[in-house]
């Protein structure tokens, strides 16, 4: 890993990228598939509870690393940086290609980077990207890395129980990535991370591999009301905490990018911060909940359509199983 050049110890996001698998599944399409299994749902039922209209599902032979590589290539192109310049890869995922090695090592190989680059996975479920971004920032500030590829990539369709309409309609597959580099100007202004293991059971995949077979339940399970209640509470608190650490007010934010899980949670957080809804980036309607990929996907969409520009202050925050939550405030 490279040592940090002579800077003031900052890290900045210099490129973003994202990728969605081509199979686009509308609520109507999903409802028809579920009906064949005797499960009733509808577009109205899904939209009223989540704000989701569409999600993307990866083909059966496409793993998380394939999605991650496509997002990474686009982020590298946006940063005008060759993959060989990357000296650390962090992949946030709950759906790795294998038990081991890490999906990050697989991505490293597929990008052809070679052995000059360190790589590891980070598991914080839907908070994974905020955890990974904070970790990358710490590596750069410590002089242990210069150019870091941070990726959120998921194929949640593999762990959904399509007999449970309360969960299977909410999630999708995708990947988002950013390139972070050592910088002479402030980029990451503040971040705060939290977890509370007392709530492990409200959102989890409780199965594991035991003697070559799956032991326990290998599908996602969720206590929706409990998750909703906790999420609304902690997202407001961690946003306020992170802004305070940077000595900024919510009014000074240009954009809020919450984890794209549920439009009601997102709007509730925005209102509690006193922000108008048009300053929140929302892609959940078109992507569903892509877990660790949701924040970088939304970030890339807003960068590429011109909403987020250089100098804008952006607060990204997520909450997920663990129970984990975190926020990162950046100046683009």
C-alpha atoms as a PDB file:
ATOM      1  CA  UNK A   1       0.000   0.000   0.000  1.00  0.00           C
ATOM      2  CA  UNK A   2       1.251   3.452  -0.918  1.00  0.00           C
ATOM      3  CA  UNK A   3       2.148   6.128   1.607  1.00  0.00           C
ATOM      4  CA  UNK A   4       0.167   9.338   1.583  1.00  0.00           C
ATOM      5  CA  UNK A   5       1.596  12.291  -0.371  1.00  0.00           C
ATOM      6  CA  UNK A   6       2.193  15.632   1.297  1.00  0.00           C
ATOM      7  CA  UNK A   7      -1.355  16.818   2.013  1.00  0.00           C
ATOM      8  CA  UNK A   8      -3.257  18.289   4.898  1.00  0.00           C
ATOM      9  CA  UNK A   9      -4.585  14.840   5.746  1.00  0.00           C
ATOM     10  CA  UNK A  10      -7.921  15.041   3.972  1.00  0.00           C
ATOM     11  CA  UNK A  11      -9.671  12.535   1.749  1.00  0.00           C
ATOM     12  CA  UNK A  12     -12.027  13.471  -1.087  1.00  0.00           C
ATOM     13  CA  UNK A  13     -14.428  11.646  -3.387  1.00  0.00           C
ATOM     14  CA  UNK A  14     -13.145  12.162  -6.927  1.00  0.00           C
ATOM     15  CA  UNK A  15     -15.294   9.719  -8.895  1.00  0.00           C
ATOM     16  CA  UNK A  16     -18.586   7.877  -8.600  1.00  0.00           C
ATOM     17  CA  UNK A  17     -20.075   4.933 -10.482  1.00  0.00           C
ATOM     18  CA  UNK A  18     -22.979   2.517 -10.304  1.00  0.00           C
ATOM     19  CA  UNK A  19     -24.408  -0.518 -12.026  1.00  0.00           C
ATOM     20  CA  UNK A  20     -27.802  -2.214 -12.094  1.00  0.00           C
ATOM     21  CA  UNK A  21     -28.367  -5.666 -13.586  1.00  0.00           C
ATOM     22  CA  UNK A  22     -30.460  -5.490 -16.764  1.00  0.00           C
ATOM     23  CA  UNK A  23     -33.490  -7.401 -15.478  1.00  0.00           C
ATOM     24  CA  UNK A  24     -35.937  -4.684 -14.372  1.00  0.00           C
ATOM     25  CA  UNK A  25     -38.832  -6.066 -12.309  1.00  0.00           C
ATOM     26  CA  UNK A  26     -41.896  -3.863 -11.829  1.00  0.00           C
ATOM     27  CA  UNK A  27     -44.355  -4.350  -8.994  1.00  0.00           C
ATOM     28  CA  UNK A  28     -46.871  -5.751 -11.460  1.00  0.00           C
ATOM     29  CA  UNK A  29     -44.336  -8.302 -12.741  1.00  0.00           C
ATOM     30  CA  UNK A  30     -43.392  -9.331  -9.225  1.00  0.00           C
ATOM     31  CA  UNK A  31     -47.032  -9.596  -8.138  1.00  0.00           C
ATOM     32  CA  UNK A  32     -47.717 -11.921 -11.081  1.00  0.00           C
ATOM     33  CA  UNK A  33     -44.762 -14.131 -10.139  1.00  0.00           C
ATOM     34  CA  UNK A  34     -45.849 -14.271  -6.508  1.00  0.00           C
ATOM     35  CA  UNK A  35     -49.430 -15.080  -7.495  1.00  0.00           C
ATOM     36  CA  UNK A  36     -48.185 -18.259  -9.146  1.00  0.00           C
ATOM     37  CA  UNK A  37     -46.954 -19.290  -5.677  1.00  0.00           C
ATOM     38  CA  UNK A  38     -50.257 -18.378  -4.045  1.00  0.00           C
ATOM     39  CA  UNK A  39     -48.945 -15.099  -2.589  1.00  0.00           C
ATOM     40  CA  UNK A  40     -51.147 -12.041  -3.058  1.00  0.00           C
ATOM     41  CA  UNK A  41     -49.772  -8.534  -3.425  1.00  0.00           C
ATOM     42  CA  UNK A  42     -50.220  -5.547  -5.727  1.00  0.00           C
ATOM     43  CA  UNK A  43     -48.542  -2.411  -6.978  1.00  0.00           C
ATOM     44  CA  UNK A  44     -50.727  -0.303  -4.675  1.00  0.00           C
ATOM     45  CA  UNK A  45     -49.867  -2.437  -1.622  1.00  0.00           C
ATOM     46  CA  UNK A  46     -46.114  -2.227  -2.262  1.00  0.00           C
ATOM     47  CA  UNK A  47     -46.014   1.482  -3.136  1.00  0.00           C
ATOM     48  CA  UNK A  48     -48.147   2.526  -0.165  1.00  0.00           C
ATOM     49  CA  UNK A  49     -45.823   0.791   2.280  1.00  0.00           C
ATOM     50  CA  UNK A  50     -42.430   1.472   0.749  1.00  0.00           C
ATOM     51  CA  UNK A  51     -42.541   3.863  -2.222  1.00  0.00           C
ATOM     52  CA  UNK A  52     -40.971   1.163  -4.401  1.00  0.00           C
ATOM     53  CA  UNK A  53     -42.166   0.754  -7.994  1.00  0.00           C
ATOM     54  CA  UNK A  54     -39.280  -1.181  -9.553  1.00  0.00           C
ATOM     55  CA  UNK A  55     -36.197  -3.183  -8.590  1.00  0.00           C
ATOM     56  CA  UNK A  56     -33.485  -4.999 -10.536  1.00  0.00           C
ATOM     57  CA  UNK A  57     -32.571  -8.674 -10.125  1.00  0.00           C
ATOM     58  CA  UNK A  58     -29.279 -10.196 -11.216  1.00  0.00           C
ATOM     59  CA  UNK A  59     -29.202 -13.294 -13.425  1.00  0.00           C
ATOM     60  CA  UNK A  60     -28.564 -16.563 -11.535  1.00  0.00           C
ATOM     61  CA  UNK A  61     -24.938 -16.764 -12.693  1.00  0.00           C
ATOM     62  CA  UNK A  62     -24.057 -13.143 -11.810  1.00  0.00           C
ATOM     63  CA  UNK A  63     -22.414 -12.673  -8.370  1.00  0.00           C
ATOM     64  CA  UNK A  64     -21.910  -9.505  -6.352  1.00  0.00           C
ATOM     65  CA  UNK A  65     -18.348  -9.139  -7.644  1.00  0.00           C
ATOM     66  CA  UNK A  66     -19.563  -8.755 -11.235  1.00  0.00           C
ATOM     67  CA  UNK A  67     -21.848  -5.888 -10.243  1.00  0.00           C
ATOM     68  CA  UNK A  68     -19.059  -4.371  -8.137  1.00  0.00           C
ATOM     69  CA  UNK A  69     -16.568  -4.466 -11.008  1.00  0.00           C
ATOM     70  CA  UNK A  70     -18.918  -2.633 -13.378  1.00  0.00           C
ATOM     71  CA  UNK A  71     -19.604   0.098 -10.799  1.00  0.00           C
ATOM     72  CA  UNK A  72     -15.891   0.342 -10.014  1.00  0.00           C
ATOM     73  CA  UNK A  73     -14.940   0.769 -13.688  1.00  0.00           C
ATOM     74  CA  UNK A  74     -17.382   3.662 -14.010  1.00  0.00           C
ATOM     75  CA  UNK A  75     -16.085   5.315 -10.835  1.00  0.00           C
ATOM     76  CA  UNK A  76     -12.487   4.966 -12.030  1.00  0.00           C
ATOM     77  CA  UNK A  77     -13.421   6.458 -15.398  1.00  0.00           C
ATOM     78  CA  UNK A  78     -15.124   9.392 -13.675  1.00  0.00           C
ATOM     79  CA  UNK A  79     -12.024   9.912 -11.530  1.00  0.00           C
ATOM     80  CA  UNK A  80      -9.747   9.699 -14.613  1.00  0.00           C
ATOM     81  CA  UNK A  81      -7.714   7.135 -12.694  1.00  0.00           C
ATOM     82  CA  UNK A  82      -6.285   3.820 -13.841  1.00  0.00           C
ATOM     83  CA  UNK A  83      -7.091   0.773 -11.742  1.00  0.00           C
ATOM     84  CA  UNK A  84      -3.360   0.264 -11.167  1.00  0.00           C
ATOM     85  CA  UNK A  85      -3.336   3.434  -9.016  1.00  0.00           C
ATOM     86  CA  UNK A  86      -5.689   1.879  -6.440  1.00  0.00           C
ATOM     87  CA  UNK A  87      -3.940   0.736  -3.287  1.00  0.00           C
ATOM     88  CA  UNK A  88      -6.967  -0.336  -1.234  1.00  0.00           C
ATOM     89  CA  UNK A  89     -10.325  -1.887  -2.106  1.00  0.00           C
ATOM     90  CA  UNK A  90     -13.148  -2.069   0.447  1.00  0.00           C
ATOM     91  CA  UNK A  91     -16.327  -3.890  -0.544  1.00  0.00           C
ATOM     92  CA  UNK A  92     -19.371  -3.484   1.682  1.00  0.00           C
ATOM     93  CA  UNK A  93     -21.650  -6.460   1.116  1.00  0.00           C
ATOM     94  CA  UNK A  94     -23.942  -8.900   2.897  1.00  0.00           C
ATOM     95  CA  UNK A  95     -24.098 -11.168  -0.150  1.00  0.00           C
ATOM     96  CA  UNK A  96     -20.481 -12.107  -0.892  1.00  0.00           C
ATOM     97  CA  UNK A  97     -19.524 -14.409  -3.748  1.00  0.00           C
ATOM     98  CA  UNK A  98     -18.113 -16.988  -1.326  1.00  0.00           C
ATOM     99  CA  UNK A  99     -17.687 -17.641   2.375  1.00  0.00           C
ATOM    100  CA  UNK A 100     -14.063 -16.761   1.648  1.00  0.00           C
ATOM    101  CA  UNK A 101     -11.990 -15.288   0.095  1.00  0.00           C
ATOM    102  CA  UNK A 102     -13.430 -11.802   0.256  1.00  0.00           C
ATOM    103  CA  UNK A 103     -15.428 -10.372  -2.615  1.00  0.00           C
ATOM    104  CA  UNK A 104     -12.917  -7.495  -2.562  1.00  0.00           C
ATOM    105  CA  UNK A 105     -10.107  -9.886  -3.506  1.00  0.00           C
ATOM    106  CA  UNK A 106     -12.243 -11.273  -6.336  1.00  0.00           C
ATOM    107  CA  UNK A 107     -12.917  -7.701  -7.525  1.00  0.00           C
ATOM    108  CA  UNK A 108      -9.198  -6.965  -7.338  1.00  0.00           C
ATOM    109  CA  UNK A 109      -8.478  -9.918  -9.611  1.00  0.00           C
ATOM    110  CA  UNK A 110     -11.244  -9.032 -12.075  1.00  0.00           C
ATOM    111  CA  UNK A 111      -9.913  -5.466 -12.305  1.00  0.00           C
ATOM    112  CA  UNK A 112      -6.418  -6.839 -12.959  1.00  0.00           C
ATOM    113  CA  UNK A 113      -4.843  -4.704 -10.265  1.00  0.00           C
ATOM    114  CA  UNK A 114      -2.290  -7.221  -8.984  1.00  0.00           C
ATOM    115  CA  UNK A 115      -0.622  -7.562  -5.608  1.00  0.00           C
ATOM    116  CA  UNK A 116       0.159  -3.907  -4.844  1.00  0.00           C
ATOM    117  CA  UNK A 117      -3.371  -3.430  -3.517  1.00  0.00           C
ATOM    118  CA  UNK A 118      -4.888  -4.465  -0.175  1.00  0.00           C
ATOM    119  CA  UNK A 119      -8.503  -5.647  -0.267  1.00  0.00           C
ATOM    120  CA  UNK A 120     -11.128  -6.695   2.248  1.00  0.00           C
ATOM    121  CA  UNK A 121     -14.893  -6.927   2.755  1.00  0.00           C
ATOM    122  CA  UNK A 122     -16.837  -4.997   5.364  1.00  0.00           C
ATOM    123  CA  UNK A 123     -20.096  -6.334   6.808  1.00  0.00           C
ATOM    124  CA  UNK A 124     -22.507  -3.818   8.288  1.00  0.00           C
ATOM    125  CA  UNK A 125     -25.513  -4.695   6.104  1.00  0.00           C
ATOM    126  CA  UNK A 126     -27.402  -1.570   4.944  1.00  0.00           C
ATOM    127  CA  UNK A 127     -25.015   0.700   6.885  1.00  0.00           C
ATOM    128  CA  UNK A 128     -22.080  -0.890   5.088  1.00  0.00           C
ATOM    129  CA  UNK A 129     -21.274   1.981   2.758  1.00  0.00           C
ATOM    130  CA  UNK A 130     -21.099   4.572   5.551  1.00  0.00           C
ATOM    131  CA  UNK A 131     -18.848   2.197   7.521  1.00  0.00           C
ATOM    132  CA  UNK A 132     -16.664   1.565   4.449  1.00  0.00           C
ATOM    133  CA  UNK A 133     -16.396   5.256   3.571  1.00  0.00           C
ATOM    134  CA  UNK A 134     -15.359   6.073   7.144  1.00  0.00           C
ATOM    135  CA  UNK A 135     -12.795   3.271   7.081  1.00  0.00           C
ATOM    136  CA  UNK A 136     -11.335   4.469   3.777  1.00  0.00           C
ATOM    137  CA  UNK A 137     -11.081   7.997   5.148  1.00  0.00           C
ATOM    138  CA  UNK A 138      -9.205   6.690   8.191  1.00  0.00           C
ATOM    139  CA  UNK A 139      -6.726   4.766   6.014  1.00  0.00           C
ATOM    140  CA  UNK A 140      -6.024   7.850   3.917  1.00  0.00           C
ATOM    141  CA  UNK A 141      -5.683  10.152   6.935  1.00  0.00           C
ATOM    142  CA  UNK A 142      -3.275   7.665   8.557  1.00  0.00           C
ATOM    143  CA  UNK A 143      -1.078   7.663   5.464  1.00  0.00           C
ATOM    144  CA  UNK A 144      -1.784   3.996   4.745  1.00  0.00           C
ATOM    145  CA  UNK A 145      -3.483   4.574   1.390  1.00  0.00           C
ATOM    146  CA  UNK A 146      -3.632   7.194  -1.351  1.00  0.00           C
ATOM    147  CA  UNK A 147      -6.398   6.019  -3.701  1.00  0.00           C
ATOM    148  CA  UNK A 148      -9.176   3.865  -2.299  1.00  0.00           C
ATOM    149  CA  UNK A 149     -11.977   2.131  -4.162  1.00  0.00           C
ATOM    150  CA  UNK A 150     -15.066   1.898  -1.924  1.00  0.00           C
ATOM    151  CA  UNK A 151     -17.871  -0.296  -3.241  1.00  0.00           C
ATOM    152  CA  UNK A 152     -21.297  -1.350  -2.032  1.00  0.00           C
ATOM    153  CA  UNK A 153     -22.530  -4.419  -3.941  1.00  0.00           C
ATOM    154  CA  UNK A 154     -25.455  -6.745  -3.279  1.00  0.00           C
ATOM    155  CA  UNK A 155     -27.471  -9.573  -4.825  1.00  0.00           C
ATOM    156  CA  UNK A 156     -30.179  -9.599  -2.168  1.00  0.00           C
ATOM    157  CA  UNK A 157     -32.506 -11.495  -4.501  1.00  0.00           C
ATOM    158  CA  UNK A 158     -30.514 -14.619  -3.513  1.00  0.00           C
ATOM    159  CA  UNK A 159     -31.556 -14.403   0.141  1.00  0.00           C
ATOM    160  CA  UNK A 160     -35.212 -13.412  -0.256  1.00  0.00           C
ATOM    161  CA  UNK A 161     -38.044 -15.754   0.657  1.00  0.00           C
ATOM    162  CA  UNK A 162     -40.536 -15.275  -2.162  1.00  0.00           C
ATOM    163  CA  UNK A 163     -43.233 -16.766   0.052  1.00  0.00           C
ATOM    164  CA  UNK A 164     -42.968 -13.760   2.387  1.00  0.00           C
ATOM    165  CA  UNK A 165     -44.470 -10.690   0.721  1.00  0.00           C
ATOM    166  CA  UNK A 166     -43.466  -8.429   3.613  1.00  0.00           C
ATOM    167  CA  UNK A 167     -39.784  -8.763   2.677  1.00  0.00           C
ATOM    168  CA  UNK A 168     -39.414 -10.052  -0.879  1.00  0.00           C
ATOM    169  CA  UNK A 169     -41.016  -6.977  -2.453  1.00  0.00           C
ATOM    170  CA  UNK A 170     -38.606  -4.549  -0.781  1.00  0.00           C
ATOM    171  CA  UNK A 171     -35.143  -5.504  -1.988  1.00  0.00           C
ATOM    172  CA  UNK A 172     -33.160  -5.415  -5.208  1.00  0.00           C
ATOM    173  CA  UNK A 173     -29.678  -5.992  -6.593  1.00  0.00           C
ATOM    174  CA  UNK A 174     -27.060  -3.458  -7.639  1.00  0.00           C
ATOM    175  CA  UNK A 175     -23.721  -1.841  -6.932  1.00  0.00           C
ATOM    176  CA  UNK A 176     -22.333   1.635  -6.362  1.00  0.00           C
ATOM    177  CA  UNK A 177     -18.742   2.776  -6.018  1.00  0.00           C
ATOM    178  CA  UNK A 178     -16.618   5.811  -5.263  1.00  0.00           C
ATOM    179  CA  UNK A 179     -12.932   6.571  -5.654  1.00  0.00           C
ATOM    180  CA  UNK A 180     -11.477   8.379  -2.652  1.00  0.00           C
ATOM    181  CA  UNK A 181      -8.073  10.017  -2.796  1.00  0.00           C
ATOM    182  CA  UNK A 182      -5.703  11.911  -0.525  1.00  0.00           C
ATOM    183  CA  UNK A 183      -6.461  15.583  -0.933  1.00  0.00           C
ATOM    184  CA  UNK A 184      -5.237  19.042   0.003  1.00  0.00           C
ATOM    185  CA  UNK A 185      -8.815  20.217   0.548  1.00  0.00           C
ATOM    186  CA  UNK A 186     -11.477  19.013   2.975  1.00  0.00           C
ATOM    187  CA  UNK A 187     -13.585  16.186   1.554  1.00  0.00           C
ATOM    188  CA  UNK A 188     -14.880  13.982   4.345  1.00  0.00           C
ATOM    189  CA  UNK A 189     -15.836  16.570   6.963  1.00  0.00           C
ATOM    190  CA  UNK A 190     -17.134  14.251   9.687  1.00  0.00           C
ATOM    191  CA  UNK A 191     -18.542  10.784  10.280  1.00  0.00           C
ATOM    192  CA  UNK A 192     -20.126   8.867  13.123  1.00  0.00           C
ATOM    193  CA  UNK A 193     -20.810   5.124  13.410  1.00  0.00           C
ATOM    194  CA  UNK A 194     -22.878   3.152  15.918  1.00  0.00           C
ATOM    195  CA  UNK A 195     -24.243  -0.309  16.595  1.00  0.00           C
ATOM    196  CA  UNK A 196     -26.462  -2.032  19.138  1.00  0.00           C
ATOM    197  CA  UNK A 197     -26.199  -5.816  19.178  1.00  0.00           C
ATOM    198  CA  UNK A 198     -29.250  -6.139  21.404  1.00  0.00           C
ATOM    199  CA  UNK A 199     -31.326  -5.870  18.225  1.00  0.00           C
ATOM    200  CA  UNK A 200     -29.630  -8.629  16.224  1.00  0.00           C
ATOM    201  CA  UNK A 201     -32.875 -10.530  15.744  1.00  0.00           C
ATOM    202  CA  UNK A 202     -35.048  -7.844  14.152  1.00  0.00           C
ATOM    203  CA  UNK A 203     -33.252  -7.938  10.787  1.00  0.00           C
ATOM    204  CA  UNK A 204     -31.058 -10.903   9.956  1.00  0.00           C
ATOM    205  CA  UNK A 205     -30.317 -14.002   7.896  1.00  0.00           C
ATOM    206  CA  UNK A 206     -29.907 -16.493  10.744  1.00  0.00           C
ATOM    207  CA  UNK A 207     -28.623 -19.468   8.744  1.00  0.00           C
ATOM    208  CA  UNK A 208     -25.020 -20.611   8.336  1.00  0.00           C
ATOM    209  CA  UNK A 209     -22.966 -23.290   6.590  1.00  0.00           C
ATOM    210  CA  UNK A 210     -22.509 -26.378   8.763  1.00  0.00           C
ATOM    211  CA  UNK A 211     -20.712 -29.487   7.440  1.00  0.00           C
ATOM    212  CA  UNK A 212     -21.453 -28.553   3.842  1.00  0.00           C
ATOM    213  CA  UNK A 213     -25.144 -27.771   4.254  1.00  0.00           C
ATOM    214  CA  UNK A 214     -27.141 -24.720   5.300  1.00  0.00           C
ATOM    215  CA  UNK A 215     -28.015 -24.869   8.983  1.00  0.00           C
ATOM    216  CA  UNK A 216     -31.017 -22.786  10.036  1.00  0.00           C
ATOM    217  CA  UNK A 217     -32.892 -20.244   7.949  1.00  0.00           C
ATOM    218  CA  UNK A 218     -30.898 -18.850   4.993  1.00  0.00           C
ATOM    219  CA  UNK A 219     -33.559 -16.281   4.068  1.00  0.00           C
ATOM    220  CA  UNK A 220     -33.792 -12.672   5.207  1.00  0.00           C
ATOM    221  CA  UNK A 221     -36.147 -12.198   8.143  1.00  0.00           C
ATOM    222  CA  UNK A 222     -37.335  -8.831   9.425  1.00  0.00           C
ATOM    223  CA  UNK A 223     -39.538  -7.407  12.135  1.00  0.00           C
ATOM    224  CA  UNK A 224     -40.769  -4.489  10.030  1.00  0.00           C
ATOM    225  CA  UNK A 225     -42.394  -2.343  12.739  1.00  0.00           C
ATOM    226  CA  UNK A 226     -39.377  -2.698  15.055  1.00  0.00           C
ATOM    227  CA  UNK A 227     -36.949  -1.780  12.267  1.00  0.00           C
ATOM    228  CA  UNK A 228     -39.081   1.217  11.255  1.00  0.00           C
ATOM    229  CA  UNK A 229     -39.231   2.548  14.815  1.00  0.00           C
ATOM    230  CA  UNK A 230     -35.501   2.207  15.415  1.00  0.00           C
ATOM    231  CA  UNK A 231     -34.519   3.556  12.005  1.00  0.00           C
ATOM    232  CA  UNK A 232     -36.474   6.802  12.281  1.00  0.00           C
ATOM    233  CA  UNK A 233     -35.015   7.459  15.735  1.00  0.00           C
ATOM    234  CA  UNK A 234     -31.339   6.709  15.072  1.00  0.00           C
ATOM    235  CA  UNK A 235     -31.121   8.325  11.627  1.00  0.00           C
ATOM    236  CA  UNK A 236     -32.139  11.709  12.989  1.00  0.00           C
ATOM    237  CA  UNK A 237     -29.753  11.429  15.928  1.00  0.00           C
ATOM    238  CA  UNK A 238     -26.708  10.363  13.910  1.00  0.00           C
ATOM    239  CA  UNK A 239     -27.355  13.098  11.351  1.00  0.00           C
ATOM    240  CA  UNK A 240     -27.439  15.769  14.057  1.00  0.00           C
ATOM    241  CA  UNK A 241     -24.363  14.253  15.723  1.00  0.00           C
ATOM    242  CA  UNK A 242     -22.368  14.227  12.475  1.00  0.00           C
ATOM    243  CA  UNK A 243     -23.346  17.780  11.566  1.00  0.00           C
ATOM    244  CA  UNK A 244     -22.333  18.954  15.046  1.00  0.00           C
ATOM    245  CA  UNK A 245     -18.934  17.276  14.648  1.00  0.00           C
ATOM    246  CA  UNK A 246     -18.383  19.413  11.530  1.00  0.00           C
ATOM    247  CA  UNK A 247     -19.818  22.531  13.220  1.00  0.00           C
ATOM    248  CA  UNK A 248     -22.556  22.749  10.596  1.00  0.00           C
ATOM    249  CA  UNK A 249     -26.323  23.005  10.742  1.00  0.00           C
ATOM    250  CA  UNK A 250     -28.789  21.029   8.658  1.00  0.00           C
ATOM    251  CA  UNK A 251     -29.698  24.264   6.882  1.00  0.00           C
ATOM    252  CA  UNK A 252     -26.163  24.376   5.457  1.00  0.00           C
ATOM    253  CA  UNK A 253     -26.583  21.006   3.737  1.00  0.00           C
ATOM    254  CA  UNK A 254     -27.049  20.908   0.003  1.00  0.00           C
ATOM    255  CA  UNK A 255     -28.204  17.288  -0.088  1.00  0.00           C
ATOM    256  CA  UNK A 256     -29.292  14.446   2.145  1.00  0.00           C
ATOM    257  CA  UNK A 257     -28.778  10.908   0.841  1.00  0.00           C
ATOM    258  CA  UNK A 258     -30.364   8.458   3.262  1.00  0.00           C
ATOM    259  CA  UNK A 259     -30.251   4.694   2.869  1.00  0.00           C
ATOM    260  CA  UNK A 260     -32.889   3.905   0.255  1.00  0.00           C
ATOM    261  CA  UNK A 261     -35.034   1.495   2.253  1.00  0.00           C
ATOM    262  CA  UNK A 262     -38.461   3.013   2.659  1.00  0.00           C
ATOM    263  CA  UNK A 263     -39.708   6.377   1.433  1.00  0.00           C
ATOM    264  CA  UNK A 264     -41.639   6.996   4.654  1.00  0.00           C
ATOM    265  CA  UNK A 265     -38.506   6.550   6.795  1.00  0.00           C
ATOM    266  CA  UNK A 266     -36.533   8.764   4.418  1.00  0.00           C
ATOM    267  CA  UNK A 267     -39.112  11.541   4.354  1.00  0.00           C
ATOM    268  CA  UNK A 268     -39.547  11.357   8.121  1.00  0.00           C
ATOM    269  CA  UNK A 269     -35.821  11.841   8.654  1.00  0.00           C
ATOM    270  CA  UNK A 270     -35.732  14.733   6.197  1.00  0.00           C
ATOM    271  CA  UNK A 271     -38.601  16.507   7.967  1.00  0.00           C
ATOM    272  CA  UNK A 272     -37.050  16.002  11.405  1.00  0.00           C
ATOM    273  CA  UNK A 273     -33.904  17.708  10.159  1.00  0.00           C
ATOM    274  CA  UNK A 274     -36.003  20.607   8.892  1.00  0.00           C
ATOM    275  CA  UNK A 275     -34.975  20.017   5.271  1.00  0.00           C
ATOM    276  CA  UNK A 276     -37.329  20.411   2.314  1.00  0.00           C
ATOM    277  CA  UNK A 277     -37.972  17.100   0.581  1.00  0.00           C
ATOM    278  CA  UNK A 278     -36.503  18.401  -2.666  1.00  0.00           C
ATOM    279  CA  UNK A 279     -33.067  18.426  -1.020  1.00  0.00           C
ATOM    280  CA  UNK A 280     -33.220  14.667  -0.442  1.00  0.00           C
ATOM    281  CA  UNK A 281     -31.974  12.268  -3.122  1.00  0.00           C
ATOM    282  CA  UNK A 282     -34.505   9.447  -3.467  1.00  0.00           C
ATOM    283  CA  UNK A 283     -33.981   6.511  -5.828  1.00  0.00           C
ATOM    284  CA  UNK A 284     -35.785   3.841  -3.809  1.00  0.00           C
ATOM    285  CA  UNK A 285     -38.743   3.970  -6.197  1.00  0.00           C
ATOM    286  CA  UNK A 286     -36.599   2.724  -9.099  1.00  0.00           C
ATOM    287  CA  UNK A 287     -34.050   0.551  -7.267  1.00  0.00           C
ATOM    288  CA  UNK A 288     -35.765  -0.845  -4.188  1.00  0.00           C
ATOM    289  CA  UNK A 289     -33.594  -1.457  -1.135  1.00  0.00           C
ATOM    290  CA  UNK A 290     -30.157  -2.500  -2.399  1.00  0.00           C
ATOM    291  CA  UNK A 291     -28.658  -2.581   1.104  1.00  0.00           C
ATOM    292  CA  UNK A 292     -24.987  -1.473   1.099  1.00  0.00           C
ATOM    293  CA  UNK A 293     -25.295  -0.422  -2.545  1.00  0.00           C
ATOM    294  CA  UNK A 294     -28.191   1.974  -2.031  1.00  0.00           C
ATOM    295  CA  UNK A 295     -26.303   5.101  -0.923  1.00  0.00           C
ATOM    296  CA  UNK A 296     -23.550   4.994  -3.577  1.00  0.00           C
ATOM    297  CA  UNK A 297     -26.163   4.188  -6.237  1.00  0.00           C
ATOM    298  CA  UNK A 298     -28.173   7.254  -5.250  1.00  0.00           C
ATOM    299  CA  UNK A 299     -25.022   9.380  -5.025  1.00  0.00           C
ATOM    300  CA  UNK A 300     -23.936   8.403  -8.523  1.00  0.00           C
ATOM    301  CA  UNK A 301     -27.386   9.090  -9.980  1.00  0.00           C
ATOM    302  CA  UNK A 302     -27.432  12.589  -8.481  1.00  0.00           C
ATOM    303  CA  UNK A 303     -23.852  13.355  -9.554  1.00  0.00           C
ATOM    304  CA  UNK A 304     -24.468  12.252 -13.129  1.00  0.00           C
ATOM    305  CA  UNK A 305     -27.763  14.103 -13.532  1.00  0.00           C
ATOM    306  CA  UNK A 306     -26.102  17.302 -12.304  1.00  0.00           C
ATOM    307  CA  UNK A 307     -27.884  17.786  -8.995  1.00  0.00           C
ATOM    308  CA  UNK A 308     -24.774  17.190  -6.898  1.00  0.00           C
ATOM    309  CA  UNK A 309     -21.883  19.397  -7.954  1.00  0.00           C
ATOM    310  CA  UNK A 310     -18.403  20.294  -6.775  1.00  0.00           C
ATOM    311  CA  UNK A 311     -18.511  22.155  -3.464  1.00  0.00           C
ATOM    312  CA  UNK A 312     -21.874  20.744  -2.406  1.00  0.00           C
ATOM    313  CA  UNK A 313     -22.157  19.450   1.144  1.00  0.00           C
ATOM    314  CA  UNK A 314     -23.783  16.009   1.190  1.00  0.00           C
ATOM    315  CA  UNK A 315     -24.849  13.997   4.220  1.00  0.00           C
ATOM    316  CA  UNK A 316     -25.081  10.237   3.636  1.00  0.00           C
ATOM    317  CA  UNK A 317     -26.585   8.023   6.318  1.00  0.00           C
ATOM    318  CA  UNK A 318     -27.634   4.411   6.658  1.00  0.00           C
ATOM    319  CA  UNK A 319     -29.175   1.963   9.076  1.00  0.00           C
ATOM    320  CA  UNK A 320     -29.179  -1.815   8.911  1.00  0.00           C
ATOM    321  CA  UNK A 321     -29.029  -5.185  10.613  1.00  0.00           C
ATOM    322  CA  UNK A 322     -26.782  -5.500  13.612  1.00  0.00           C
ATOM    323  CA  UNK A 323     -28.342  -3.140  14.550  1.00  0.00           C
ATOM    324  CA  UNK A 324     -25.939  -0.698  12.833  1.00  0.00           C
ATOM    325  CA  UNK A 325     -26.187   2.910  11.757  1.00  0.00           C
ATOM    326  CA  UNK A 326     -23.884   5.687  10.653  1.00  0.00           C
ATOM    327  CA  UNK A 327     -23.513   8.937   8.759  1.00  0.00           C
ATOM    328  CA  UNK A 328     -20.788  10.588   6.677  1.00  0.00           C
ATOM    329  CA  UNK A 329     -20.708  14.276   5.761  1.00  0.00           C
ATOM    330  CA  UNK A 330     -18.696  15.155   2.672  1.00  0.00           C
ATOM    331  CA  UNK A 331     -17.947  18.173   0.566  1.00  0.00           C
ATOM    332  CA  UNK A 332     -17.853  17.116  -3.077  1.00  0.00           C
END
